[in-house]
């Protein structure tokens, strides 16, 4: 039981960190690479610079650049 609780807490912590990073605009490259290798092995993985630029464009494209 203690082990299951520890594992659940670790999963929750990792998810909280990913969520916080996403909210402040820090993309999670390691998660992206793992996802691509697991689910899309036939597709090329972007470099960190390509990934960062892609996430940056996606973040600011959606809001239209408005301030209010």
PDB file of N, CA and C in Angstrom:
ATOM      1  N   UNK A   1       0.834  -1.193   0.000  1.00  0.00           N
ATOM      2  CA  UNK A   1       0.000   0.000   0.000  1.00  0.00           C
ATOM      3  C   UNK A   1       0.877   1.254   0.000  1.00  0.00           C
ATOM      4  N   UNK A   2       1.928   1.241   0.787  1.00  0.00           N
ATOM      5  CA  UNK A   2       2.810   2.412   0.853  1.00  0.00           C
ATOM      6  C   UNK A   2       3.456   2.683  -0.504  1.00  0.00           C
ATOM      7  N   UNK A   3       3.852   1.606  -1.191  1.00  0.00           N
ATOM      8  CA  UNK A   3       4.479   1.752  -2.504  1.00  0.00           C
ATOM      9  C   UNK A   3       3.499   2.357  -3.513  1.00  0.00           C
ATOM     10  N   UNK A   4       2.270   1.901  -3.491  1.00  0.00           N
ATOM     11  CA  UNK A   4       1.248   2.417  -4.403  1.00  0.00           C
ATOM     12  C   UNK A   4       1.005   3.906  -4.143  1.00  0.00           C
ATOM     13  N   UNK A   5       0.976   4.288  -2.889  1.00  0.00           N
ATOM     14  CA  UNK A   5       0.785   5.689  -2.540  1.00  0.00           C
ATOM     15  C   UNK A   5       1.959   6.532  -3.025  1.00  0.00           C
ATOM     16  N   UNK A   6       3.172   6.029  -2.828  1.00  0.00           N
ATOM     17  CA  UNK A   6       4.366   6.744  -3.274  1.00  0.00           C
ATOM     18  C   UNK A   6       4.347   6.925  -4.782  1.00  0.00           C
ATOM     19  N   UNK A   7       3.994   5.879  -5.517  1.00  0.00           N
ATOM     20  CA  UNK A   7       3.924   5.971  -6.972  1.00  0.00           C
ATOM     21  C   UNK A   7       2.852   6.960  -7.410  1.00  0.00           C
ATOM     22  N   UNK A   8       1.711   6.950  -6.758  1.00  0.00           N
ATOM     23  CA  UNK A   8       0.633   7.880  -7.098  1.00  0.00           C
ATOM     24  C   UNK A   8       1.065   9.318  -6.841  1.00  0.00           C
ATOM     25  N   UNK A   9       1.765   9.536  -5.737  1.00  0.00           N
ATOM     26  CA  UNK A   9       2.252  10.884  -5.434  1.00  0.00           C
ATOM     27  C   UNK A   9       3.278  11.349  -6.465  1.00  0.00           C
ATOM     28  N   UNK A  10       4.143  10.454  -6.890  1.00  0.00           N
ATOM     29  CA  UNK A  10       5.136  10.803  -7.923  1.00  0.00           C
ATOM     30  C   UNK A  10       4.466  11.152  -9.240  1.00  0.00           C
ATOM     31  N   UNK A  11       3.497  10.353  -9.637  1.00  0.00           N
ATOM     32  CA  UNK A  11       2.765  10.653 -10.877  1.00  0.00           C
ATOM     33  C   UNK A  11       2.063  11.999 -10.773  1.00  0.00           C
ATOM     34  N   UNK A  12       1.440  12.238  -9.643  1.00  0.00           N
ATOM     35  CA  UNK A  12       0.757  13.521  -9.438  1.00  0.00           C
ATOM     36  C   UNK A  12       1.723  14.691  -9.480  1.00  0.00           C
ATOM     37  N   UNK A  13       2.882  14.516  -8.865  1.00  0.00           N
ATOM     38  CA  UNK A  13       3.892  15.579  -8.863  1.00  0.00           C
ATOM     39  C   UNK A  13       4.379  15.861 -10.280  1.00  0.00           C
ATOM     40  N   UNK A  14       4.678  14.803 -11.034  1.00  0.00           N
ATOM     41  CA  UNK A  14       5.142  14.995 -12.421  1.00  0.00           C
ATOM     42  C   UNK A  14       4.094  15.711 -13.256  1.00  0.00           C
ATOM     43  N   UNK A  15       2.832  15.337 -13.074  1.00  0.00           N
ATOM     44  CA  UNK A  15       1.756  15.996 -13.820  1.00  0.00           C
ATOM     45  C   UNK A  15       1.636  17.459 -13.411  1.00  0.00           C
ATOM     46  N   UNK A  16       1.764  17.743 -12.131  1.00  0.00           N
ATOM     47  CA  UNK A  16       1.697  19.131 -11.659  1.00  0.00           C
ATOM     48  C   UNK A  16       2.842  19.962 -12.244  1.00  0.00           C
ATOM     49  N   UNK A  17       4.026  19.375 -12.313  1.00  0.00           N
ATOM     50  CA  UNK A  17       5.179  20.086 -12.896  1.00  0.00           C
ATOM     51  C   UNK A  17       4.930  20.350 -14.370  1.00  0.00           C
ATOM     52  N   UNK A  18       4.452  19.348 -15.106  1.00  0.00           N
ATOM     53  CA  UNK A  18       4.160  19.539 -16.538  1.00  0.00           C
ATOM     54  C   UNK A  18       3.110  20.627 -16.739  1.00  0.00           C
ATOM     55  N   UNK A  19       2.076  20.611 -15.909  1.00  0.00           N
ATOM     56  CA  UNK A  19       1.015  21.610 -16.015  1.00  0.00           C
ATOM     57  C   UNK A  19       1.551  23.004 -15.729  1.00  0.00           C
ATOM     58  N   UNK A  20       2.341  23.144 -14.679  1.00  0.00           N
ATOM     59  CA  UNK A  20       2.912  24.448 -14.337  1.00  0.00           C
ATOM     60  C   UNK A  20       3.823  24.957 -15.447  1.00  0.00           C
ATOM     61  N   UNK A  21       4.653  24.087 -15.978  1.00  0.00           N
ATOM     62  CA  UNK A  21       5.543  24.496 -17.073  1.00  0.00           C
ATOM     63  C   UNK A  21       4.741  24.923 -18.288  1.00  0.00           C
ATOM     64  N   UNK A  22       3.697  24.203 -18.585  1.00  0.00           N
ATOM     65  CA  UNK A  22       2.850  24.551 -19.720  1.00  0.00           C
ATOM     66  C   UNK A  22       2.180  25.912 -19.514  1.00  0.00           C
ATOM     67  N   UNK A  23       1.742  26.169 -18.299  1.00  0.00           N
ATOM     68  CA  UNK A  23       1.057  27.429 -18.001  1.00  0.00           C
ATOM     69  C   UNK A  23       1.982  28.635 -18.143  1.00  0.00           C
ATOM     70  N   UNK A  24       3.251  28.455 -17.817  1.00  0.00           N
ATOM     71  CA  UNK A  24       4.169  29.593 -17.919  1.00  0.00           C
ATOM     72  C   UNK A  24       4.938  29.594 -19.236  1.00  0.00           C
ATOM     73  N   UNK A  25       4.636  28.636 -20.095  1.00  0.00           N
ATOM     74  CA  UNK A  25       5.210  28.647 -21.430  1.00  0.00           C
ATOM     75  C   UNK A  25       6.520  27.908 -21.594  1.00  0.00           C
ATOM     76  N   UNK A  26       6.849  27.021 -20.674  1.00  0.00           N
ATOM     77  CA  UNK A  26       8.067  26.222 -20.813  1.00  0.00           C
ATOM     78  C   UNK A  26       7.661  24.875 -21.408  1.00  0.00           C
ATOM     79  N   UNK A  27       7.994  24.641 -22.665  1.00  0.00           N
ATOM     80  CA  UNK A  27       7.579  23.386 -23.284  1.00  0.00           C
ATOM     81  C   UNK A  27       8.342  22.194 -22.721  1.00  0.00           C
ATOM     82  N   UNK A  28       7.711  21.037 -22.740  1.00  0.00           N
ATOM     83  CA  UNK A  28       8.304  19.825 -22.187  1.00  0.00           C
ATOM     84  C   UNK A  28       8.824  18.947 -23.323  1.00  0.00           C
ATOM     85  N   UNK A  29      10.056  19.200 -23.735  1.00  0.00           N
ATOM     86  CA  UNK A  29      10.655  18.515 -24.873  1.00  0.00           C
ATOM     87  C   UNK A  29      10.807  17.016 -24.625  1.00  0.00           C
ATOM     88  N   UNK A  30      11.209  16.625 -23.440  1.00  0.00           N
ATOM     89  CA  UNK A  30      11.409  15.204 -23.141  1.00  0.00           C
ATOM     90  C   UNK A  30      10.112  14.411 -23.297  1.00  0.00           C
ATOM     91  N   UNK A  31       9.005  14.982 -22.857  1.00  0.00           N
ATOM     92  CA  UNK A  31       7.710  14.319 -23.003  1.00  0.00           C
ATOM     93  C   UNK A  31       7.339  14.206 -24.474  1.00  0.00           C
ATOM     94  N   UNK A  32       7.609  15.274 -25.235  1.00  0.00           N
ATOM     95  CA  UNK A  32       7.346  15.257 -26.677  1.00  0.00           C
ATOM     96  C   UNK A  32       8.142  14.145 -27.362  1.00  0.00           C
ATOM     97  N   UNK A  33       9.438  14.049 -27.068  1.00  0.00           N
ATOM     98  CA  UNK A  33      10.292  13.035 -27.691  1.00  0.00           C
ATOM     99  C   UNK A  33       9.793  11.631 -27.332  1.00  0.00           C
ATOM    100  N   UNK A  34       9.471  11.401 -26.073  1.00  0.00           N
ATOM    101  CA  UNK A  34       8.966  10.093 -25.652  1.00  0.00           C
ATOM    102  C   UNK A  34       7.673   9.754 -26.384  1.00  0.00           C
ATOM    103  N   UNK A  35       6.785  10.722 -26.507  1.00  0.00           N
ATOM    104  CA  UNK A  35       5.516  10.515 -27.208  1.00  0.00           C
ATOM    105  C   UNK A  35       5.756  10.159 -28.671  1.00  0.00           C
ATOM    106  N   UNK A  36       6.632  10.922 -29.322  1.00  0.00           N
ATOM    107  CA  UNK A  36       6.907  10.674 -30.741  1.00  0.00           C
ATOM    108  C   UNK A  36       7.503   9.290 -30.960  1.00  0.00           C
ATOM    109  N   UNK A  37       8.418   8.902 -30.114  1.00  0.00           N
ATOM    110  CA  UNK A  37       9.057   7.589 -30.268  1.00  0.00           C
ATOM    111  C   UNK A  37       8.085   6.447 -29.984  1.00  0.00           C
ATOM    112  N   UNK A  38       7.189   6.668 -29.051  1.00  0.00           N
ATOM    113  CA  UNK A  38       6.233   5.618 -28.682  1.00  0.00           C
ATOM    114  C   UNK A  38       5.090   5.507 -29.690  1.00  0.00           C
ATOM    115  N   UNK A  39       4.527   6.653 -30.093  1.00  0.00           N
ATOM    116  CA  UNK A  39       3.310   6.639 -30.913  1.00  0.00           C
ATOM    117  C   UNK A  39       3.524   6.919 -32.394  1.00  0.00           C
ATOM    118  N   UNK A  40       4.629   7.536 -32.749  1.00  0.00           N
ATOM    119  CA  UNK A  40       4.883   7.905 -34.147  1.00  0.00           C
ATOM    120  C   UNK A  40       6.328   7.582 -34.538  1.00  0.00           C
ATOM    121  N   UNK A  41       6.738   6.325 -34.436  1.00  0.00           N
ATOM    122  CA  UNK A  41       8.137   5.978 -34.698  1.00  0.00           C
ATOM    123  C   UNK A  41       8.575   6.248 -36.138  1.00  0.00           C
ATOM    124  N   UNK A  42       7.617   6.352 -37.061  1.00  0.00           N
ATOM    125  CA  UNK A  42       7.944   6.589 -38.460  1.00  0.00           C
ATOM    126  C   UNK A  42       8.172   8.072 -38.772  1.00  0.00           C
ATOM    127  N   UNK A  43       7.830   8.961 -37.853  1.00  0.00           N
ATOM    128  CA  UNK A  43       7.973  10.405 -38.083  1.00  0.00           C
ATOM    129  C   UNK A  43       9.250  10.924 -37.436  1.00  0.00           C
ATOM    130  N   UNK A  44       9.812  11.957 -38.059  1.00  0.00           N
ATOM    131  CA  UNK A  44      11.040  12.569 -37.534  1.00  0.00           C
ATOM    132  C   UNK A  44      10.718  13.379 -36.277  1.00  0.00           C
ATOM    133  N   UNK A  45      11.627  13.345 -35.319  1.00  0.00           N
ATOM    134  CA  UNK A  45      11.486  14.119 -34.087  1.00  0.00           C
ATOM    135  C   UNK A  45      12.154  15.477 -34.299  1.00  0.00           C
ATOM    136  N   UNK A  46      11.444  16.548 -33.953  1.00  0.00           N
ATOM    137  CA  UNK A  46      12.011  17.890 -34.082  1.00  0.00           C
ATOM    138  C   UNK A  46      13.185  18.066 -33.125  1.00  0.00           C
ATOM    139  N   UNK A  47      14.118  18.895 -33.505  1.00  0.00           N
ATOM    140  CA  UNK A  47      15.188  19.262 -32.582  1.00  0.00           C
ATOM    141  C   UNK A  47      14.584  20.122 -31.484  1.00  0.00           C
ATOM    142  N   UNK A  48      15.349  20.361 -30.417  1.00  0.00           N
ATOM    143  CA  UNK A  48      14.820  21.196 -29.342  1.00  0.00           C
ATOM    144  C   UNK A  48      14.478  22.595 -29.861  1.00  0.00           C
ATOM    145  N   UNK A  49      15.345  23.165 -30.707  1.00  0.00           N
ATOM    146  CA  UNK A  49      15.088  24.511 -31.242  1.00  0.00           C
ATOM    147  C   UNK A  49      13.820  24.525 -32.086  1.00  0.00           C
ATOM    148  N   UNK A  50      13.624  23.522 -32.934  1.00  0.00           N
ATOM    149  CA  UNK A  50      12.415  23.439 -33.751  1.00  0.00           C
ATOM    150  C   UNK A  50      11.181  23.289 -32.865  1.00  0.00           C
ATOM    151  N   UNK A  51      11.283  22.436 -31.865  1.00  0.00           N
ATOM    152  CA  UNK A  51      10.169  22.214 -30.941  1.00  0.00           C
ATOM    153  C   UNK A  51       9.816  23.496 -30.198  1.00  0.00           C
ATOM    154  N   UNK A  52      10.836  24.178 -29.684  1.00  0.00           N
ATOM    155  CA  UNK A  52      10.611  25.407 -28.936  1.00  0.00           C
ATOM    156  C   UNK A  52       9.931  26.459 -29.821  1.00  0.00           C
ATOM    157  N   UNK A  53      10.419  26.630 -31.045  1.00  0.00           N
ATOM    158  CA  UNK A  53       9.811  27.601 -31.963  1.00  0.00           C
ATOM    159  C   UNK A  53       8.378  27.220 -32.310  1.00  0.00           C
ATOM    160  N   UNK A  54       8.125  25.937 -32.506  1.00  0.00           N
ATOM    161  CA  UNK A  54       6.776  25.467 -32.801  1.00  0.00           C
ATOM    162  C   UNK A  54       5.823  25.782 -31.652  1.00  0.00           C
ATOM    163  N   UNK A  55       6.247  25.502 -30.415  1.00  0.00           N
ATOM    164  CA  UNK A  55       5.408  25.774 -29.249  1.00  0.00           C
ATOM    165  C   UNK A  55       5.201  27.272 -29.049  1.00  0.00           C
ATOM    166  N   UNK A  56       6.231  28.055 -29.316  1.00  0.00           N
ATOM    167  CA  UNK A  56       6.125  29.505 -29.192  1.00  0.00           C
ATOM    168  C   UNK A  56       5.118  30.060 -30.192  1.00  0.00           C
ATOM    169  N   UNK A  57       5.197  29.602 -31.427  1.00  0.00           N
ATOM    170  CA  UNK A  57       4.248  30.040 -32.452  1.00  0.00           C
ATOM    171  C   UNK A  57       2.832  29.606 -32.102  1.00  0.00           C
ATOM    172  N   UNK A  58       2.673  28.393 -31.634  1.00  0.00           N
ATOM    173  CA  UNK A  58       1.343  27.899 -31.268  1.00  0.00           C
ATOM    174  C   UNK A  58       0.756  28.715 -30.123  1.00  0.00           C
ATOM    175  N   UNK A  59       1.584  29.093 -29.190  1.00  0.00           N
ATOM    176  CA  UNK A  59       1.089  29.859 -28.040  1.00  0.00           C
ATOM    177  C   UNK A  59       0.584  31.242 -28.441  1.00  0.00           C
ATOM    178  N   UNK A  60       1.327  31.923 -29.280  1.00  0.00           N
ATOM    179  CA  UNK A  60       0.962  33.293 -29.622  1.00  0.00           C
ATOM    180  C   UNK A  60       0.048  33.394 -30.830  1.00  0.00           C
ATOM    181  N   UNK A  61      -0.031  32.373 -31.631  1.00  0.00           N
ATOM    182  CA  UNK A  61      -0.921  32.368 -32.784  1.00  0.00           C
ATOM    183  C   UNK A  61      -2.372  32.318 -32.326  1.00  0.00           C
ATOM    184  N   UNK A  62      -2.650  31.534 -31.309  1.00  0.00           N
ATOM    185  CA  UNK A  62      -4.030  31.314 -30.858  1.00  0.00           C
ATOM    186  C   UNK A  62      -4.676  32.566 -30.294  1.00  0.00           C
ATOM    187  N   UNK A  63      -3.939  33.407 -29.600  1.00  0.00           N
ATOM    188  CA  UNK A  63      -4.524  34.571 -28.941  1.00  0.00           C
ATOM    189  C   UNK A  63      -4.653  35.790 -29.839  1.00  0.00           C
ATOM    190  N   UNK A  64      -4.039  35.774 -30.993  1.00  0.00           N
ATOM    191  CA  UNK A  64      -4.138  36.907 -31.905  1.00  0.00           C
ATOM    192  C   UNK A  64      -3.355  38.113 -31.442  1.00  0.00           C
ATOM    193  N   UNK A  65      -2.571  38.003 -30.385  1.00  0.00           N
ATOM    194  CA  UNK A  65      -1.739  39.111 -29.945  1.00  0.00           C
ATOM    195  C   UNK A  65      -2.471  40.216 -29.215  1.00  0.00           C
ATOM    196  N   UNK A  66      -3.690  39.965 -28.787  1.00  0.00           N
ATOM    197  CA  UNK A  66      -4.430  40.997 -28.085  1.00  0.00           C
ATOM    198  C   UNK A  66      -3.965  41.118 -26.644  1.00  0.00           C
ATOM    199  N   UNK A  67      -4.087  42.312 -26.135  1.00  0.00           N
ATOM    200  CA  UNK A  67      -3.706  42.501 -24.742  1.00  0.00           C
ATOM    201  C   UNK A  67      -4.901  42.413 -23.815  1.00  0.00           C
ATOM    202  N   UNK A  68      -6.083  42.757 -24.273  1.00  0.00           N
ATOM    203  CA  UNK A  68      -7.253  42.765 -23.383  1.00  0.00           C
ATOM    204  C   UNK A  68      -8.445  42.054 -24.007  1.00  0.00           C
TER     205      UNK A  68
END
